[in-house]
């Protein structure tokens, strides 16, 4: 919904409109970054927890599906899964169960409608696991993602934060690249550099930075990167989990 400003009659967009537009811009930038690449697997991660990677990954997947892409969203944050909550989906069977050989991927995939005409597929984490890094490093993970990629235009993978654990570095080897989500004015610059260096040393291409909780005065901070987030009443854009 649009309203008229009391100053000059300018149109003021609702927070929902601004958020949708920000996601569309991110979607467009990602599509450009992936143009010409055969591997359609992209991981979405952050330096640390709580910087908005999941709340970026989920609407991005939905926006891509709404635009007509065949999308599979995979939650590989086996330590703190959250995508199923944002999608309001069960998490009883998922990636862990497929990798352990307890079920087949066709039975674990969940169809998630986006609009009346469009939808996407979602693979949750499933059962808990005590050794995520070892499980993700097994050859089955690469084969699973590869099989999903053969059936989709894009496989978006929500992974654990880069700095606390090695899980994302393992998964990054199977991807075309990574979107690194950070929080404006909160994520320390050294943490951003360390996460970027860790990914690139692991031969994981950085497709872009996504900046959460972005204010208008942060334009210098966001230069050359992708800004995303829903503005709060004070003009601040909040991060998710």
Protein backbone atom coordinates (compact mmCIF):
# COMPACT_ATOMS: atom_id res chain seq x y z
CA UNK A 1 0.00 0.00 0.00
CA UNK A 2 1.20 3.52 -0.87
CA UNK A 3 0.40 6.70 1.02
CA UNK A 4 0.98 10.37 0.36
CA UNK A 5 3.58 12.21 2.38
CA UNK A 6 2.56 15.49 4.00
CA UNK A 7 5.64 17.08 2.47
CA UNK A 8 5.42 17.72 -1.23
CA UNK A 9 2.84 15.02 -1.89
CA UNK A 10 5.53 12.36 -2.39
CA UNK A 11 4.48 8.74 -2.23
CA UNK A 12 5.61 6.80 0.82
CA UNK A 13 5.92 3.05 0.36
CA UNK A 14 4.89 0.65 3.08
CA UNK A 15 7.54 -1.44 4.86
CA UNK A 16 6.21 -4.53 3.10
CA UNK A 17 6.64 -2.91 -0.33
CA UNK A 18 10.17 -1.83 0.50
CA UNK A 19 11.05 -5.32 1.68
CA UNK A 20 9.64 -6.94 -1.46
CA UNK A 21 11.55 -4.51 -3.65
CA UNK A 22 14.78 -5.16 -1.75
CA UNK A 23 14.35 -8.90 -2.26
CA UNK A 24 13.68 -8.38 -5.97
CA UNK A 25 16.88 -6.36 -6.29
CA UNK A 26 18.82 -9.09 -4.50
CA UNK A 27 17.19 -11.70 -6.75
CA UNK A 28 18.19 -9.77 -9.86
CA UNK A 29 21.77 -9.31 -8.66
CA UNK A 30 22.07 -13.00 -7.86
CA UNK A 31 20.74 -13.99 -11.28
CA UNK A 32 23.33 -11.76 -12.93
CA UNK A 33 26.11 -13.22 -10.75
CA UNK A 34 25.10 -16.75 -11.73
CA UNK A 35 24.74 -16.06 -15.44
CA UNK A 36 26.84 -18.50 -17.44
CA UNK A 37 27.64 -20.72 -14.46
CA UNK A 38 26.66 -24.38 -14.80
CA UNK A 39 26.47 -25.01 -11.05
CA UNK A 40 23.16 -23.64 -9.68
CA UNK A 41 23.98 -24.23 -5.99
CA UNK A 42 24.32 -21.12 -3.78
CA UNK A 43 24.97 -21.07 -0.05
CA UNK A 44 23.67 -18.28 2.19
CA UNK A 45 25.71 -17.73 5.32
CA UNK A 46 27.03 -15.09 7.72
CA UNK A 47 30.17 -14.53 9.80
CA UNK A 48 28.32 -15.11 13.09
CA UNK A 49 24.90 -16.15 14.33
CA UNK A 50 21.96 -13.73 14.40
CA UNK A 51 22.97 -11.63 11.40
CA UNK A 52 19.96 -12.47 9.24
CA UNK A 53 21.06 -15.26 6.91
CA UNK A 54 17.90 -17.37 7.25
CA UNK A 55 15.52 -14.40 7.05
CA UNK A 56 17.34 -13.44 3.85
CA UNK A 57 17.50 -16.93 2.35
CA UNK A 58 13.81 -17.81 2.75
CA UNK A 59 12.24 -14.73 1.07
CA UNK A 60 14.92 -14.85 -1.62
CA UNK A 61 13.92 -18.43 -2.45
CA UNK A 62 10.25 -17.42 -2.49
CA UNK A 63 10.95 -14.45 -4.76
CA UNK A 64 12.88 -16.61 -7.21
CA UNK A 65 10.05 -19.14 -7.29
CA UNK A 66 7.49 -16.38 -7.81
CA UNK A 67 9.52 -15.19 -10.80
CA UNK A 68 9.19 -18.64 -12.36
CA UNK A 69 12.41 -20.35 -11.32
CA UNK A 70 12.43 -23.96 -10.15
CA UNK A 71 13.84 -23.51 -6.65
CA UNK A 72 14.87 -25.94 -3.92
CA UNK A 73 15.62 -24.44 -0.50
CA UNK A 74 17.82 -26.68 1.64
CA UNK A 75 18.44 -26.07 5.34
CA UNK A 76 21.95 -27.30 6.13
CA UNK A 77 22.32 -25.37 9.37
CA UNK A 78 22.21 -28.65 11.26
CA UNK A 79 23.11 -27.04 14.59
CA UNK A 80 20.42 -24.33 14.71
CA UNK A 81 17.81 -24.94 11.98
CA UNK A 82 15.27 -22.18 11.56
CA UNK A 83 14.03 -22.13 7.95
CA UNK A 84 11.18 -24.53 8.72
CA UNK A 85 9.86 -22.10 11.34
CA UNK A 86 9.79 -19.19 8.90
CA UNK A 87 7.99 -21.40 6.38
CA UNK A 88 5.73 -22.95 9.05
CA UNK A 89 6.74 -26.44 7.96
CA UNK A 90 7.49 -29.63 9.92
CA UNK A 91 11.07 -30.68 10.56
CA UNK A 92 10.63 -34.34 11.41
CA UNK A 93 12.32 -35.74 8.29
CA UNK A 94 14.97 -34.01 6.22
CA UNK A 95 18.60 -33.80 5.13
CA UNK A 96 20.05 -35.77 8.03
CA UNK A 97 17.66 -38.65 7.42
CA UNK A 98 18.50 -38.70 3.70
CA UNK A 99 22.26 -38.61 4.34
CA UNK A 100 21.97 -41.43 6.87
CA UNK A 101 20.08 -43.52 4.35
CA UNK A 102 16.93 -43.67 6.48
CA UNK A 103 14.73 -42.17 3.75
CA UNK A 104 14.91 -41.05 0.14
CA UNK A 105 15.02 -37.41 -0.89
CA UNK A 106 11.67 -37.64 -2.71
CA UNK A 107 9.97 -38.48 0.58
CA UNK A 108 11.76 -35.72 2.49
CA UNK A 109 11.10 -32.85 0.07
CA UNK A 110 8.19 -30.59 0.96
CA UNK A 111 6.29 -28.52 -1.60
CA UNK A 112 5.72 -24.94 -0.41
CA UNK A 113 3.22 -22.79 -2.31
CA UNK A 114 4.36 -19.20 -2.88
CA UNK A 115 1.39 -17.91 -4.86
CA UNK A 116 -1.62 -19.66 -6.33
CA UNK A 117 0.39 -20.42 -9.45
CA UNK A 118 3.93 -20.83 -8.11
CA UNK A 119 5.78 -22.74 -5.42
CA UNK A 120 9.12 -24.20 -4.43
CA UNK A 121 10.53 -27.28 -2.73
CA UNK A 122 12.01 -27.28 0.76
CA UNK A 123 14.31 -29.80 2.42
CA UNK A 124 14.54 -29.27 6.18
CA UNK A 125 17.34 -30.51 8.43
CA UNK A 126 15.31 -33.37 9.91
CA UNK A 127 16.69 -35.48 12.74
CA UNK A 128 19.32 -34.07 15.11
CA UNK A 129 22.95 -35.01 14.65
CA UNK A 130 25.94 -34.93 16.99
CA UNK A 131 28.62 -34.60 14.31
CA UNK A 132 27.37 -32.13 11.66
CA UNK A 133 30.76 -31.40 10.08
CA UNK A 134 31.58 -35.06 9.55
CA UNK A 135 28.13 -35.81 8.13
CA UNK A 136 28.22 -32.84 5.76
CA UNK A 137 31.73 -33.72 4.62
CA UNK A 138 30.68 -37.14 3.41
CA UNK A 139 30.32 -37.77 -0.30
CA UNK A 140 26.58 -38.21 0.12
CA UNK A 141 26.13 -34.46 0.68
CA UNK A 142 27.73 -33.59 -2.65
CA UNK A 143 25.65 -36.24 -4.40
CA UNK A 144 22.45 -35.03 -2.74
CA UNK A 145 23.01 -31.40 -3.72
CA UNK A 146 24.05 -32.47 -7.20
CA UNK A 147 20.89 -34.52 -7.64
CA UNK A 148 18.74 -31.58 -6.52
CA UNK A 149 20.62 -29.24 -8.86
CA UNK A 150 19.81 -31.47 -11.82
CA UNK A 151 16.10 -30.93 -11.19
CA UNK A 152 16.17 -27.21 -10.32
CA UNK A 153 17.15 -23.84 -11.73
CA UNK A 154 18.60 -22.88 -8.35
CA UNK A 155 19.38 -24.66 -5.08
CA UNK A 156 19.61 -22.20 -2.19
CA UNK A 157 21.35 -23.62 0.88
CA UNK A 158 21.02 -22.04 4.32
CA UNK A 159 24.22 -22.97 6.15
CA UNK A 160 25.76 -22.42 9.58
CA UNK A 161 27.75 -19.22 10.29
CA UNK A 162 31.29 -19.34 8.94
CA UNK A 163 33.40 -18.39 11.94
CA UNK A 164 32.13 -20.56 14.84
CA UNK A 165 32.20 -23.94 13.02
CA UNK A 166 33.63 -25.56 9.88
CA UNK A 167 30.29 -26.81 8.49
CA UNK A 168 29.89 -24.09 5.86
CA UNK A 169 33.45 -24.47 4.61
CA UNK A 170 32.67 -28.11 3.89
CA UNK A 171 29.42 -27.35 2.07
CA UNK A 172 30.94 -24.40 0.19
CA UNK A 173 33.07 -26.76 -1.85
CA UNK A 174 29.95 -28.03 -3.60
CA UNK A 175 28.50 -24.60 -4.45
CA UNK A 176 28.89 -22.05 -7.23
CA UNK A 177 29.39 -19.45 -4.55
CA UNK A 178 28.13 -17.80 -1.38
CA UNK A 179 26.01 -14.86 -0.31
CA UNK A 180 27.50 -13.46 2.90
CA UNK A 181 24.92 -11.79 5.15
CA UNK A 182 26.11 -9.15 7.61
CA UNK A 183 24.43 -6.71 9.99
CA UNK A 184 25.11 -3.01 9.46
CA UNK A 185 26.89 -1.33 12.39
CA UNK A 186 26.96 -4.65 14.29
CA UNK A 187 29.09 -7.16 12.38
CA UNK A 188 32.74 -6.18 13.07
CA UNK A 189 34.77 -5.48 9.95
CA UNK A 190 37.45 -7.99 11.06
CA UNK A 191 34.74 -10.67 11.25
CA UNK A 192 33.63 -9.86 7.71
CA UNK A 193 37.23 -10.09 6.50
CA UNK A 194 37.87 -13.34 8.34
CA UNK A 195 34.70 -14.94 6.97
CA UNK A 196 35.47 -13.77 3.43
CA UNK A 197 39.05 -15.04 3.67
CA UNK A 198 37.95 -18.39 5.07
CA UNK A 199 35.50 -18.89 2.21
CA UNK A 200 37.90 -17.82 -0.52
CA UNK A 201 40.71 -19.97 0.90
CA UNK A 202 38.23 -22.81 0.67
CA UNK A 203 37.75 -21.94 -3.02
CA UNK A 204 34.21 -20.70 -2.38
CA UNK A 205 33.41 -17.70 -4.56
CA UNK A 206 31.77 -14.70 -2.84
CA UNK A 207 28.77 -13.77 -4.99
CA UNK A 208 27.90 -10.75 -2.86
CA UNK A 209 27.31 -9.25 0.55
CA UNK A 210 23.80 -8.77 1.92
CA UNK A 211 23.53 -6.04 4.53
CA UNK A 212 20.80 -6.25 7.17
CA UNK A 213 19.50 -3.50 9.47
CA UNK A 214 20.54 -0.90 6.93
CA UNK A 215 19.77 2.78 7.55
CA UNK A 216 19.83 5.54 4.95
CA UNK A 217 22.99 7.02 6.46
CA UNK A 218 24.79 3.72 5.93
CA UNK A 219 25.10 4.28 2.18
CA UNK A 220 28.90 4.38 2.31
CA UNK A 221 28.90 1.12 4.22
CA UNK A 222 26.71 -0.53 1.59
CA UNK A 223 28.59 0.74 -1.44
CA UNK A 224 29.07 -1.98 -4.01
CA UNK A 225 27.11 -4.55 -2.02
CA UNK A 226 23.54 -5.81 -1.84
CA UNK A 227 21.34 -4.17 0.79
CA UNK A 228 18.34 -6.07 2.13
CA UNK A 229 15.88 -5.78 4.95
CA UNK A 230 12.55 -4.42 6.13
CA UNK A 231 12.71 -0.87 7.50
CA UNK A 232 11.59 -0.22 11.04
CA UNK A 233 9.61 2.94 11.91
CA UNK A 234 12.87 4.78 12.56
CA UNK A 235 14.21 3.85 9.13
CA UNK A 236 16.24 0.91 10.37
CA UNK A 237 16.06 -2.45 8.59
CA UNK A 238 15.94 -5.38 10.95
CA UNK A 239 17.87 -8.61 10.73
CA UNK A 240 16.33 -12.02 11.27
CA UNK A 241 17.76 -15.08 12.90
